[in-house]
Amino acid sequence: MEQNIYSAILRLIKTRQDDVKNVILDGNVEDWANYQFLVGQLTSLRKFDADVRDLYRKWEVDDDVTDGADNAQRKKDSGDKAR
């Protein structure tokens, strides 16, 4: 489920980036201030995308480490029961 949430967030970010790019590329920028605003939006969305991806990778690694510790504890517990 976590991956679905991340995928949905990343899709929303990508959609918003595409929308902003299309406004710029189609020449629908009202003035210089609006252009600067849109470029700022793109920059923010790119940074947010990178943050979400980094956070997902970090949680994947944390889960792997936690799972490894859980497996080690289970092995130890099963070894204690065998004695």
C-alpha atoms as a PDB file:
ATOM      1  CA  MET A   1       0.000   0.000   0.000  1.00  0.00           C
ATOM      2  CA  GLU A   2       2.843   2.386   0.795  1.00  0.00           C
ATOM      3  CA  GLN A   3       4.149   2.012  -2.741  1.00  0.00           C
ATOM      4  CA  ASN A   4       0.711   2.906  -4.108  1.00  0.00           C
ATOM      5  CA  ILE A   5       0.693   6.106  -2.065  1.00  0.00           C
ATOM      6  CA  TYR A   6       4.154   7.030  -3.302  1.00  0.00           C
ATOM      7  CA  SER A   7       3.175   6.233  -6.879  1.00  0.00           C
ATOM      8  CA  ALA A   8       0.064   8.381  -6.586  1.00  0.00           C
ATOM      9  CA  ILE A   9       2.034  11.299  -5.140  1.00  0.00           C
ATOM     10  CA  LEU A  10       4.692  11.019  -7.845  1.00  0.00           C
ATOM     11  CA  ARG A  11       1.994  10.885 -10.551  1.00  0.00           C
ATOM     12  CA  LEU A  12       0.390  14.053  -9.162  1.00  0.00           C
ATOM     13  CA  ILE A  13       3.758  15.823  -9.118  1.00  0.00           C
ATOM     14  CA  LYS A  14       4.465  14.724 -12.703  1.00  0.00           C
ATOM     15  CA  THR A  15       1.013  15.871 -13.854  1.00  0.00           C
ATOM     16  CA  ARG A  16       1.505  19.272 -12.250  1.00  0.00           C
ATOM     17  CA  GLN A  17       4.986  19.586 -13.781  1.00  0.00           C
ATOM     18  CA  ASP A  18       3.571  18.750 -17.217  1.00  0.00           C
ATOM     19  CA  ASP A  19       0.788  21.309 -16.759  1.00  0.00           C
ATOM     20  CA  VAL A  20       3.248  24.070 -15.876  1.00  0.00           C
ATOM     21  CA  LYS A  21       5.600  23.110 -18.727  1.00  0.00           C
ATOM     22  CA  ASN A  22       2.715  23.203 -21.184  1.00  0.00           C
ATOM     23  CA  VAL A  23       1.712  26.699 -20.069  1.00  0.00           C
ATOM     24  CA  ILE A  24       5.262  27.895 -20.664  1.00  0.00           C
ATOM     25  CA  LEU A  25       5.805  26.029 -23.950  1.00  0.00           C
ATOM     26  CA  ASP A  26       2.429  27.032 -25.389  1.00  0.00           C
ATOM     27  CA  GLY A  27       3.254  30.695 -24.830  1.00  0.00           C
ATOM     28  CA  ASN A  28       0.489  31.254 -22.310  1.00  0.00           C
ATOM     29  CA  VAL A  29       2.716  33.191 -19.926  1.00  0.00           C
ATOM     30  CA  GLU A  30       1.147  36.544 -19.143  1.00  0.00           C
ATOM     31  CA  ASP A  31       4.292  38.463 -18.248  1.00  0.00           C
ATOM     32  CA  TRP A  32       7.778  38.184 -16.785  1.00  0.00           C
ATOM     33  CA  ALA A  33       6.495  37.903 -13.206  1.00  0.00           C
ATOM     34  CA  ASN A  34       4.177  35.042 -14.211  1.00  0.00           C
ATOM     35  CA  TYR A  35       7.068  33.321 -16.023  1.00  0.00           C
ATOM     36  CA  GLN A  36       9.251  33.595 -12.924  1.00  0.00           C
ATOM     37  CA  PHE A  37       6.410  32.194 -10.815  1.00  0.00           C
ATOM     38  CA  LEU A  38       5.974  29.217 -13.148  1.00  0.00           C
ATOM     39  CA  VAL A  39       9.694  28.483 -13.211  1.00  0.00           C
ATOM     40  CA  GLY A  40       9.673  28.641  -9.418  1.00  0.00           C
ATOM     41  CA  GLN A  41       6.787  26.166  -9.400  1.00  0.00           C
ATOM     42  CA  LEU A  42       8.762  23.782 -11.609  1.00  0.00           C
ATOM     43  CA  THR A  43      11.806  24.078  -9.375  1.00  0.00           C
ATOM     44  CA  SER A  44       9.729  23.369  -6.276  1.00  0.00           C
ATOM     45  CA  LEU A  45       8.019  20.405  -7.896  1.00  0.00           C
ATOM     46  CA  ARG A  46      11.359  18.919  -8.965  1.00  0.00           C
ATOM     47  CA  LYS A  47      12.732  19.269  -5.443  1.00  0.00           C
ATOM     48  CA  PHE A  48       9.560  17.790  -3.960  1.00  0.00           C
ATOM     49  CA  ASP A  49       9.756  14.868  -6.404  1.00  0.00           C
ATOM     50  CA  ALA A  50      13.368  14.216  -5.354  1.00  0.00           C
ATOM     51  CA  ASP A  51      12.417  14.444  -1.661  1.00  0.00           C
ATOM     52  CA  VAL A  52       9.568  11.945  -2.066  1.00  0.00           C
ATOM     53  CA  ARG A  53      11.824   9.516  -3.951  1.00  0.00           C
ATOM     54  CA  ASP A  54      14.587   9.854  -1.331  1.00  0.00           C
ATOM     55  CA  LEU A  55      12.118   9.326   1.483  1.00  0.00           C
ATOM     56  CA  TYR A  56      10.721   6.215  -0.196  1.00  0.00           C
ATOM     57  CA  ARG A  57      14.232   4.788  -0.681  1.00  0.00           C
ATOM     58  CA  LYS A  58      15.103   5.552   2.936  1.00  0.00           C
ATOM     59  CA  TRP A  59      11.999   3.791   4.216  1.00  0.00           C
ATOM     60  CA  GLU A  60      12.703   0.813   1.965  1.00  0.00           C
ATOM     61  CA  VAL A  61      16.198   0.529   3.445  1.00  0.00           C
ATOM     62  CA  ASP A  62      14.857   0.971   6.983  1.00  0.00           C
ATOM     63  CA  ASP A  63      12.285  -1.760   6.329  1.00  0.00           C
ATOM     64  CA  ASP A  64      15.002  -4.083   5.011  1.00  0.00           C
ATOM     65  CA  VAL A  65      17.148  -3.439   8.076  1.00  0.00           C
ATOM     66  CA  THR A  66      14.182  -3.948  10.402  1.00  0.00           C
ATOM     67  CA  ASP A  67      13.161  -7.111   8.561  1.00  0.00           C
ATOM     68  CA  GLY A  68      16.725  -8.383   8.811  1.00  0.00           C
ATOM     69  CA  ALA A  69      16.786  -7.722  12.551  1.00  0.00           C
ATOM     70  CA  ASP A  70      13.394  -9.421  12.943  1.00  0.00           C
ATOM     71  CA  ASN A  71      14.634 -12.457  11.000  1.00  0.00           C
ATOM     72  CA  ALA A  72      17.791 -12.632  13.092  1.00  0.00           C
ATOM     73  CA  GLN A  73      15.716 -12.480  16.277  1.00  0.00           C
ATOM     74  CA  ARG A  74      13.373 -15.213  14.982  1.00  0.00           C
ATOM     75  CA  LYS A  75      16.352 -17.437  14.136  1.00  0.00           C
ATOM     76  CA  LYS A  76      17.788 -16.853  17.583  1.00  0.00           C
ATOM     77  CA  ASP A  77      14.433 -17.593  19.212  1.00  0.00           C
ATOM     78  CA  SER A  78      13.957 -20.777  17.180  1.00  0.00           C
ATOM     79  CA  GLY A  79      17.512 -21.850  18.070  1.00  0.00           C
ATOM     80  CA  ASP A  80      16.757 -21.319  21.761  1.00  0.00           C
ATOM     81  CA  LYS A  81      13.606 -23.442  21.481  1.00  0.00           C
ATOM     82  CA  ALA A  82      15.530 -26.279  19.836  1.00  0.00           C
ATOM     83  CA  ARG A  83      17.830 -26.594  22.822  1.00  0.00           C
END
